Amino acid sequence: MRHDMKVWQQVFQELIQEVKPWHTWTLKLDESLIPNTLQPGWTQYQQWVFARFQCSWCSRSWASAQVQVLFHMHWSKRESKGRVKMRIFAQRCQKCANPPFEIPEFTEENISRILNNLVFRILKKCYKEGFKSMKEIRTVKDNYIEGPHDINNCEACLQGFCAQSGLGLTTQPPVSLTLPVISLPTTVRTPIQKPSPTKSSTTAGVVTGGARVKKRENTGNALSAIELFTLKWLL
């Protein structure tokens, strides 16, 4: 399976280079990641965020505020190199019979918020820097979501990894799921313009990997106040 991760990579590089310009970090997609199952020396960070989905069979679309994004992080002080592995859990259409699991669409604004939260945790867990208590920057919901979380069509819930399912971690092996192939874009999107006056946007090299991105118009003041004093302050 291949996804488009160019925007995620670009924004992550911009943010991590602002706080650790002499260190090398990579961000890659890994569909085999399992929550709370870590290799020695790795640490974990999970977020439940807002995203939209579209069924590749019937074209029905829906929104969810319980999309799980999982990160596993490793920092090598000796090599000054860090690695981040990322998994985005999918959902499937509740109207179709035996539909495929779909990759969620994220706005660039929400990608920025998710990765800001990730960089906070890298500073705290890998560098032992930052605040003792840091609030997450919430992702923006573009519409009102009706009804409870659909645990019967959530990949994380079915595998026992979703907090909303009330199942806890499963003792059974994960269900084998088939996700659709997402084509790569023909153009590279421009970096997100962040409203903080203390930040300067630096475009970093783009590498391949992936998740599906939905482009939206920049709102300028949409990011929360916590971002205005975070990454640059920690330098």
C-alpha atoms as a PDB file:
ATOM      1  CA  MET A   1       0.000   0.000   0.000  1.00  0.00           C
ATOM      2  CA  ARG A   2       1.174   3.520  -0.792  1.00  0.00           C
ATOM      3  CA  HIS A   3      -0.163   6.814   0.477  1.00  0.00           C
ATOM      4  CA  ASP A   4       0.728  10.419  -0.103  1.00  0.00           C
ATOM      5  CA  MET A   5       2.743  11.633   2.927  1.00  0.00           C
ATOM      6  CA  LYS A   6       4.461  14.583   1.319  1.00  0.00           C
ATOM      7  CA  VAL A   7       2.573  17.250   3.253  1.00  0.00           C
ATOM      8  CA  TRP A   8       3.053  15.418   6.562  1.00  0.00           C
ATOM      9  CA  GLN A   9       6.781  15.109   5.867  1.00  0.00           C
ATOM     10  CA  GLN A  10       7.161  18.723   4.842  1.00  0.00           C
ATOM     11  CA  VAL A  11       5.349  20.174   7.861  1.00  0.00           C
ATOM     12  CA  PHE A  12       7.138  17.826  10.274  1.00  0.00           C
ATOM     13  CA  GLN A  13      10.540  18.866   8.919  1.00  0.00           C
ATOM     14  CA  GLU A  14       9.654  22.549   9.240  1.00  0.00           C
ATOM     15  CA  LEU A  15       8.598  22.142  12.874  1.00  0.00           C
ATOM     16  CA  ILE A  16      11.424  19.871  14.066  1.00  0.00           C
ATOM     17  CA  GLN A  17      14.073  21.956  12.312  1.00  0.00           C
ATOM     18  CA  GLU A  18      12.894  25.058  14.160  1.00  0.00           C
ATOM     19  CA  VAL A  19      13.680  23.477  17.538  1.00  0.00           C
ATOM     20  CA  LYS A  20      16.473  21.036  16.634  1.00  0.00           C
ATOM     21  CA  PRO A  21      18.129  22.368  13.462  1.00  0.00           C
ATOM     22  CA  TRP A  22      21.309  20.305  13.862  1.00  0.00           C
ATOM     23  CA  HIS A  23      19.560  17.005  14.344  1.00  0.00           C
ATOM     24  CA  THR A  24      18.151  14.662  11.700  1.00  0.00           C
ATOM     25  CA  TRP A  25      14.625  13.302  12.105  1.00  0.00           C
ATOM     26  CA  THR A  26      12.563  11.162   9.735  1.00  0.00           C
ATOM     27  CA  LEU A  27       8.828  10.427   9.659  1.00  0.00           C
ATOM     28  CA  LYS A  28       7.574   7.292   7.924  1.00  0.00           C
ATOM     29  CA  LEU A  29       4.303   5.397   7.667  1.00  0.00           C
ATOM     30  CA  ASP A  30       4.228   1.924   9.238  1.00  0.00           C
ATOM     31  CA  GLU A  31       0.963  -0.038   9.024  1.00  0.00           C
ATOM     32  CA  SER A  32       2.340  -2.725  11.373  1.00  0.00           C
ATOM     33  CA  LEU A  33       2.508  -0.478  14.458  1.00  0.00           C
ATOM     34  CA  ILE A  34       0.561  -1.733  17.467  1.00  0.00           C
ATOM     35  CA  PRO A  35      -0.307   0.504  20.437  1.00  0.00           C
ATOM     36  CA  ASN A  36       1.740  -0.177  23.575  1.00  0.00           C
ATOM     37  CA  THR A  37       3.966  -2.676  21.738  1.00  0.00           C
ATOM     38  CA  LEU A  38       7.338  -0.949  21.523  1.00  0.00           C
ATOM     39  CA  GLN A  39      10.850  -1.912  20.533  1.00  0.00           C
ATOM     40  CA  PRO A  40      13.565  -1.228  23.152  1.00  0.00           C
ATOM     41  CA  GLY A  41      14.395   2.464  23.340  1.00  0.00           C
ATOM     42  CA  TRP A  42      11.194   3.577  21.593  1.00  0.00           C
ATOM     43  CA  THR A  43       8.415   5.695  23.085  1.00  0.00           C
ATOM     44  CA  GLN A  44       4.783   6.181  22.050  1.00  0.00           C
ATOM     45  CA  TYR A  45       2.344   9.006  21.464  1.00  0.00           C
ATOM     46  CA  GLN A  46      -1.327   8.617  20.443  1.00  0.00           C
ATOM     47  CA  GLN A  47      -3.862  11.202  19.306  1.00  0.00           C
ATOM     48  CA  TRP A  48      -7.597  10.952  18.593  1.00  0.00           C
ATOM     49  CA  VAL A  49      -8.318  13.546  15.946  1.00  0.00           C
ATOM     50  CA  PHE A  50     -10.916  14.805  13.459  1.00  0.00           C
ATOM     51  CA  ALA A  51     -10.861  13.688   9.824  1.00  0.00           C
ATOM     52  CA  ARG A  52     -13.202  12.886   6.954  1.00  0.00           C
ATOM     53  CA  PHE A  53     -13.687   9.667   5.019  1.00  0.00           C
ATOM     54  CA  GLN A  54     -15.167   8.756   1.636  1.00  0.00           C
ATOM     55  CA  CYS A  55     -16.289   5.300   0.589  1.00  0.00           C
ATOM     56  CA  SER A  56     -14.548   4.156  -2.592  1.00  0.00           C
ATOM     57  CA  TRP A  57     -17.609   2.009  -3.453  1.00  0.00           C
ATOM     58  CA  CYS A  58     -20.628   4.281  -3.029  1.00  0.00           C
ATOM     59  CA  SER A  59     -18.870   7.680  -2.669  1.00  0.00           C
ATOM     60  CA  ARG A  60     -20.627   8.307   0.651  1.00  0.00           C
ATOM     61  CA  SER A  61     -18.669  10.630   2.940  1.00  0.00           C
ATOM     62  CA  TRP A  62     -18.654  10.900   6.710  1.00  0.00           C
ATOM     63  CA  ALA A  63     -16.703  12.624   9.474  1.00  0.00           C
ATOM     64  CA  SER A  64     -15.214  11.292  12.688  1.00  0.00           C
ATOM     65  CA  ALA A  65     -13.607  12.967  15.680  1.00  0.00           C
ATOM     66  CA  GLN A  66     -12.198   9.630  16.900  1.00  0.00           C
ATOM     67  CA  VAL A  67      -9.596   8.890  14.234  1.00  0.00           C
ATOM     68  CA  GLN A  68      -6.603   7.361  15.958  1.00  0.00           C
ATOM     69  CA  VAL A  69      -3.113   8.446  14.882  1.00  0.00           C
ATOM     70  CA  LEU A  70      -0.290   6.454  16.486  1.00  0.00           C
ATOM     71  CA  PHE A  71       3.370   7.494  16.657  1.00  0.00           C
ATOM     72  CA  HIS A  72       6.398   5.494  17.809  1.00  0.00           C
ATOM     73  CA  MET A  73       9.528   7.605  18.350  1.00  0.00           C
ATOM     74  CA  HIS A  74      13.224   6.812  18.821  1.00  0.00           C
ATOM     75  CA  TRP A  75      16.132   9.197  19.453  1.00  0.00           C
ATOM     76  CA  SER A  76      19.839   8.298  19.159  1.00  0.00           C
ATOM     77  CA  LYS A  77      21.888  10.865  21.055  1.00  0.00           C
ATOM     78  CA  ARG A  78      25.155   9.361  19.830  1.00  0.00           C
ATOM     79  CA  GLU A  79      24.180   9.762  16.162  1.00  0.00           C
ATOM     80  CA  SER A  80      22.006  12.892  16.634  1.00  0.00           C
ATOM     81  CA  LYS A  81      19.314  11.104  14.656  1.00  0.00           C
ATOM     82  CA  GLY A  82      15.656  10.493  15.414  1.00  0.00           C
ATOM     83  CA  ARG A  83      13.004   8.287  13.832  1.00  0.00           C
ATOM     84  CA  VAL A  84       9.212   8.501  13.948  1.00  0.00           C
ATOM     85  CA  LYS A  85       6.914   5.738  12.723  1.00  0.00           C
ATOM     86  CA  MET A  86       3.289   6.629  12.136  1.00  0.00           C
ATOM     87  CA  ARG A  87       0.067   4.676  11.720  1.00  0.00           C
ATOM     88  CA  ILE A  88      -3.348   6.115  10.869  1.00  0.00           C
ATOM     89  CA  PHE A  89      -6.261   3.799  11.646  1.00  0.00           C
ATOM     90  CA  ALA A  90      -8.941   3.527   8.962  1.00  0.00           C
ATOM     91  CA  GLN A  91     -12.745   3.286   8.945  1.00  0.00           C
ATOM     92  CA  ARG A  92     -15.264   1.729   6.563  1.00  0.00           C
ATOM     93  CA  CYS A  93     -18.690   2.688   5.232  1.00  0.00           C
ATOM     94  CA  GLN A  94     -21.615   1.573   7.379  1.00  0.00           C
ATOM     95  CA  LYS A  95     -24.020   1.562   4.408  1.00  0.00           C
ATOM     96  CA  CYS A  96     -22.197  -0.884   2.094  1.00  0.00           C
ATOM     97  CA  ALA A  97     -21.924  -4.662   2.488  1.00  0.00           C
ATOM     98  CA  ASN A  98     -18.339  -5.785   3.154  1.00  0.00           C
ATOM     99  CA  PRO A  99     -16.788  -2.447   2.132  1.00  0.00           C
ATOM    100  CA  PRO A 100     -13.033  -1.765   2.167  1.00  0.00           C
ATOM    101  CA  PHE A 101     -11.404   0.246   4.932  1.00  0.00           C
ATOM    102  CA  GLU A 102     -10.754   3.812   3.837  1.00  0.00           C
ATOM    103  CA  ILE A 103      -7.869   6.155   4.608  1.00  0.00           C
ATOM    104  CA  PRO A 104      -9.029   9.420   6.256  1.00  0.00           C
ATOM    105  CA  GLU A 105      -8.629  12.851   4.663  1.00  0.00           C
ATOM    106  CA  PHE A 106      -6.976  15.585   6.752  1.00  0.00           C
ATOM    107  CA  THR A 107      -6.877  19.314   6.139  1.00  0.00           C
ATOM    108  CA  GLU A 108      -3.417  20.860   6.120  1.00  0.00           C
ATOM    109  CA  GLU A 109      -4.439  22.911   9.143  1.00  0.00           C
ATOM    110  CA  ASN A 110      -5.154  19.766  11.159  1.00  0.00           C
ATOM    111  CA  ILE A 111      -1.949  18.115   9.961  1.00  0.00           C
ATOM    112  CA  SER A 112      -0.107  21.109  11.384  1.00  0.00           C
ATOM    113  CA  ARG A 113      -1.907  20.748  14.713  1.00  0.00           C
ATOM    114  CA  ILE A 114      -1.259  17.008  14.946  1.00  0.00           C
ATOM    115  CA  LEU A 115       2.434  17.425  14.177  1.00  0.00           C
ATOM    116  CA  ASN A 116       2.797  20.342  16.599  1.00  0.00           C
ATOM    117  CA  ASN A 117       1.549  17.982  19.300  1.00  0.00           C
ATOM    118  CA  LEU A 118       4.018  15.339  18.124  1.00  0.00           C
ATOM    119  CA  VAL A 119       6.980  17.742  18.300  1.00  0.00           C
ATOM    120  CA  PHE A 120       5.962  18.717  21.850  1.00  0.00           C
ATOM    121  CA  ARG A 121       6.153  15.048  22.847  1.00  0.00           C
ATOM    122  CA  ILE A 122       9.489  14.547  21.092  1.00  0.00           C
ATOM    123  CA  LEU A 123      10.927  17.446  23.084  1.00  0.00           C
ATOM    124  CA  LYS A 124       9.482  16.082  26.308  1.00  0.00           C
ATOM    125  CA  LYS A 125      10.096  12.345  25.892  1.00  0.00           C
ATOM    126  CA  CYS A 126      13.271  12.264  23.787  1.00  0.00           C
ATOM    127  CA  TYR A 127      15.054  15.427  24.931  1.00  0.00           C
ATOM    128  CA  LYS A 128      13.519  15.798  28.408  1.00  0.00           C
ATOM    129  CA  GLU A 129      12.598  19.385  27.537  1.00  0.00           C
ATOM    130  CA  GLY A 130       9.361  21.336  27.590  1.00  0.00           C
ATOM    131  CA  PHE A 131       6.585  21.771  30.094  1.00  0.00           C
ATOM    132  CA  LYS A 132       5.588  19.170  32.664  1.00  0.00           C
ATOM    133  CA  SER A 133       1.964  19.596  31.620  1.00  0.00           C
ATOM    134  CA  MET A 134       1.150  20.487  28.012  1.00  0.00           C
ATOM    135  CA  LYS A 135      -2.343  20.693  26.569  1.00  0.00           C
ATOM    136  CA  GLU A 136      -2.922  19.156  23.178  1.00  0.00           C
ATOM    137  CA  ILE A 137      -3.794  21.442  20.300  1.00  0.00           C
ATOM    138  CA  ARG A 138      -7.182  20.125  19.199  1.00  0.00           C
ATOM    139  CA  THR A 139      -7.947  19.471  15.568  1.00  0.00           C
ATOM    140  CA  VAL A 140     -10.634  21.597  13.905  1.00  0.00           C
ATOM    141  CA  LYS A 141     -14.038  20.059  13.174  1.00  0.00           C
ATOM    142  CA  ASP A 142     -15.548  21.415   9.977  1.00  0.00           C
ATOM    143  CA  ASN A 143     -19.100  20.293  10.759  1.00  0.00           C
ATOM    144  CA  TYR A 144     -21.325  18.924  13.511  1.00  0.00           C
ATOM    145  CA  ILE A 145     -21.003  15.178  14.039  1.00  0.00           C
ATOM    146  CA  GLU A 146     -24.166  13.329  14.968  1.00  0.00           C
ATOM    147  CA  GLY A 147     -24.373  10.015  16.771  1.00  0.00           C
ATOM    148  CA  PRO A 148     -21.847   7.922  18.707  1.00  0.00           C
ATOM    149  CA  HIS A 149     -18.559   6.589  17.422  1.00  0.00           C
ATOM    150  CA  ASP A 150     -19.177   3.714  14.971  1.00  0.00           C
ATOM    151  CA  ILE A 151     -17.163   0.997  16.702  1.00  0.00           C
ATOM    152  CA  ASN A 152     -18.343  -1.696  14.251  1.00  0.00           C
ATOM    153  CA  ASN A 153     -16.620   0.038  11.326  1.00  0.00           C
ATOM    154  CA  CYS A 154     -13.552   1.481  13.044  1.00  0.00           C
ATOM    155  CA  GLU A 155     -10.303  -0.388  12.351  1.00  0.00           C
ATOM    156  CA  ALA A 156      -8.853   0.490  15.757  1.00  0.00           C
ATOM    157  CA  CYS A 157     -12.011  -0.653  17.578  1.00  0.00           C
ATOM    158  CA  LEU A 158     -12.205  -3.942  15.683  1.00  0.00           C
ATOM    159  CA  GLN A 159      -8.602  -4.672  16.568  1.00  0.00           C
ATOM    160  CA  GLY A 160      -9.174  -3.673  20.198  1.00  0.00           C
ATOM    161  CA  PHE A 161      -6.964  -0.577  20.056  1.00  0.00           C
ATOM    162  CA  CYS A 162      -9.529   2.220  20.292  1.00  0.00           C
ATOM    163  CA  ALA A 163     -10.327   3.867  23.620  1.00  0.00           C
ATOM    164  CA  GLN A 164     -13.856   4.553  22.390  1.00  0.00           C
ATOM    165  CA  SER A 165     -14.611   0.851  21.945  1.00  0.00           C
ATOM    166  CA  GLY A 166     -14.314   0.147  25.665  1.00  0.00           C
ATOM    167  CA  LEU A 167     -12.525  -3.083  24.816  1.00  0.00           C
ATOM    168  CA  GLY A 168      -9.018  -2.225  25.921  1.00  0.00           C
ATOM    169  CA  LEU A 169      -6.118  -4.007  24.247  1.00  0.00           C
ATOM    170  CA  THR A 170      -7.173  -7.237  22.593  1.00  0.00           C
ATOM    171  CA  THR A 171      -5.577 -10.567  23.364  1.00  0.00           C
ATOM    172  CA  GLN A 172      -6.405 -11.853  19.906  1.00  0.00           C
ATOM    173  CA  PRO A 173      -4.176 -11.285  16.875  1.00  0.00           C
ATOM    174  CA  PRO A 174      -5.111  -8.188  14.817  1.00  0.00           C
ATOM    175  CA  VAL A 175      -7.636  -8.623  12.021  1.00  0.00           C
ATOM    176  CA  SER A 176      -6.101  -8.584   8.553  1.00  0.00           C
ATOM    177  CA  LEU A 177      -7.422  -5.508   6.753  1.00  0.00           C
ATOM    178  CA  THR A 178      -7.040  -4.417   3.156  1.00  0.00           C
ATOM    179  CA  LEU A 179      -6.712  -0.690   2.540  1.00  0.00           C
ATOM    180  CA  PRO A 180      -7.120   1.032  -0.832  1.00  0.00           C
ATOM    181  CA  VAL A 181      -4.238   2.356  -2.895  1.00  0.00           C
ATOM    182  CA  ILE A 182      -4.045   6.149  -2.908  1.00  0.00           C
ATOM    183  CA  SER A 183      -2.355   7.755  -5.925  1.00  0.00           C
ATOM    184  CA  LEU A 184       0.409  10.279  -5.430  1.00  0.00           C
ATOM    185  CA  PRO A 185      -0.335  13.933  -6.223  1.00  0.00           C
ATOM    186  CA  THR A 186       0.975  15.596  -9.344  1.00  0.00           C
ATOM    187  CA  THR A 187       2.036  18.748  -7.527  1.00  0.00           C
ATOM    188  CA  VAL A 188       3.630  19.472  -4.165  1.00  0.00           C
ATOM    189  CA  ARG A 189       1.439  21.624  -1.963  1.00  0.00           C
ATOM    190  CA  THR A 190       2.761  24.809  -0.437  1.00  0.00           C
ATOM    191  CA  PRO A 191       3.701  24.815   3.265  1.00  0.00           C
ATOM    192  CA  ILE A 192       1.128  25.913   5.808  1.00  0.00           C
ATOM    193  CA  GLN A 193       1.395  29.548   6.809  1.00  0.00           C
ATOM    194  CA  LYS A 194       1.432  29.698  10.590  1.00  0.00           C
ATOM    195  CA  PRO A 195       0.194  32.844  12.338  1.00  0.00           C
ATOM    196  CA  SER A 196       2.857  32.956  15.063  1.00  0.00           C
ATOM    197  CA  PRO A 197       5.021  36.102  14.683  1.00  0.00           C
ATOM    198  CA  THR A 198       7.992  34.256  16.165  1.00  0.00           C
ATOM    199  CA  LYS A 199       8.084  31.599  13.472  1.00  0.00           C
ATOM    200  CA  SER A 200       9.580  31.608  10.031  1.00  0.00           C
ATOM    201  CA  SER A 201       8.454  29.014   7.528  1.00  0.00           C
ATOM    202  CA  THR A 202      11.301  26.934   6.106  1.00  0.00           C
ATOM    203  CA  THR A 203      10.572  24.445   3.362  1.00  0.00           C
ATOM    204  CA  ALA A 204      12.468  21.200   3.958  1.00  0.00           C
ATOM    205  CA  GLY A 205      13.151  18.336   1.592  1.00  0.00           C
ATOM    206  CA  VAL A 206      10.194  16.114   0.798  1.00  0.00           C
ATOM    207  CA  VAL A 207      10.364  12.345   1.075  1.00  0.00           C
ATOM    208  CA  THR A 208       7.894   9.677   0.091  1.00  0.00           C
ATOM    209  CA  GLY A 209       5.497   7.818   2.338  1.00  0.00           C
ATOM    210  CA  GLY A 210       1.914   8.615   3.023  1.00  0.00           C
ATOM    211  CA  ALA A 211      -1.530   9.574   4.188  1.00  0.00           C
ATOM    212  CA  ARG A 212      -4.383  11.198   2.362  1.00  0.00           C
ATOM    213  CA  VAL A 213      -4.674  14.973   2.590  1.00  0.00           C
ATOM    214  CA  LYS A 214      -7.602  17.247   1.898  1.00  0.00           C
ATOM    215  CA  LYS A 215      -6.517  20.777   1.012  1.00  0.00           C
ATOM    216  CA  ARG A 216      -8.369  23.726   2.554  1.00  0.00           C
ATOM    217  CA  GLU A 217      -8.126  27.467   2.592  1.00  0.00           C
ATOM    218  CA  ASN A 218      -5.798  28.846   5.310  1.00  0.00           C
ATOM    219  CA  THR A 219      -7.801  30.547   8.054  1.00  0.00           C
ATOM    220  CA  GLY A 220      -4.874  32.495   9.520  1.00  0.00           C
ATOM    221  CA  ASN A 221      -6.025  32.666  13.148  1.00  0.00           C
ATOM    222  CA  ALA A 222      -7.310  29.119  13.452  1.00  0.00           C
ATOM    223  CA  LEU A 223      -4.424  27.739  15.540  1.00  0.00           C
ATOM    224  CA  SER A 224      -4.878  27.886  19.296  1.00  0.00           C
ATOM    225  CA  ALA A 225      -3.002  30.274  21.566  1.00  0.00           C
ATOM    226  CA  ILE A 226      -0.700  27.563  22.875  1.00  0.00           C
ATOM    227  CA  GLU A 227       1.103  27.382  19.529  1.00  0.00           C
ATOM    228  CA  LEU A 228       2.020  31.059  19.658  1.00  0.00           C
ATOM    229  CA  PHE A 229       4.625  30.530  22.373  1.00  0.00           C
ATOM    230  CA  THR A 230       5.701  26.914  22.031  1.00  0.00           C
ATOM    231  CA  LEU A 231       8.386  25.700  19.642  1.00  0.00           C
ATOM    232  CA  LYS A 232      10.428  28.892  19.260  1.00  0.00           C
ATOM    233  CA  TRP A 233      10.270  29.465  23.039  1.00  0.00           C
ATOM    234  CA  LEU A 234      11.878  26.071  23.647  1.00  0.00           C
ATOM    235  CA  LEU A 235      14.973  26.790  21.540  1.00  0.00           C
END
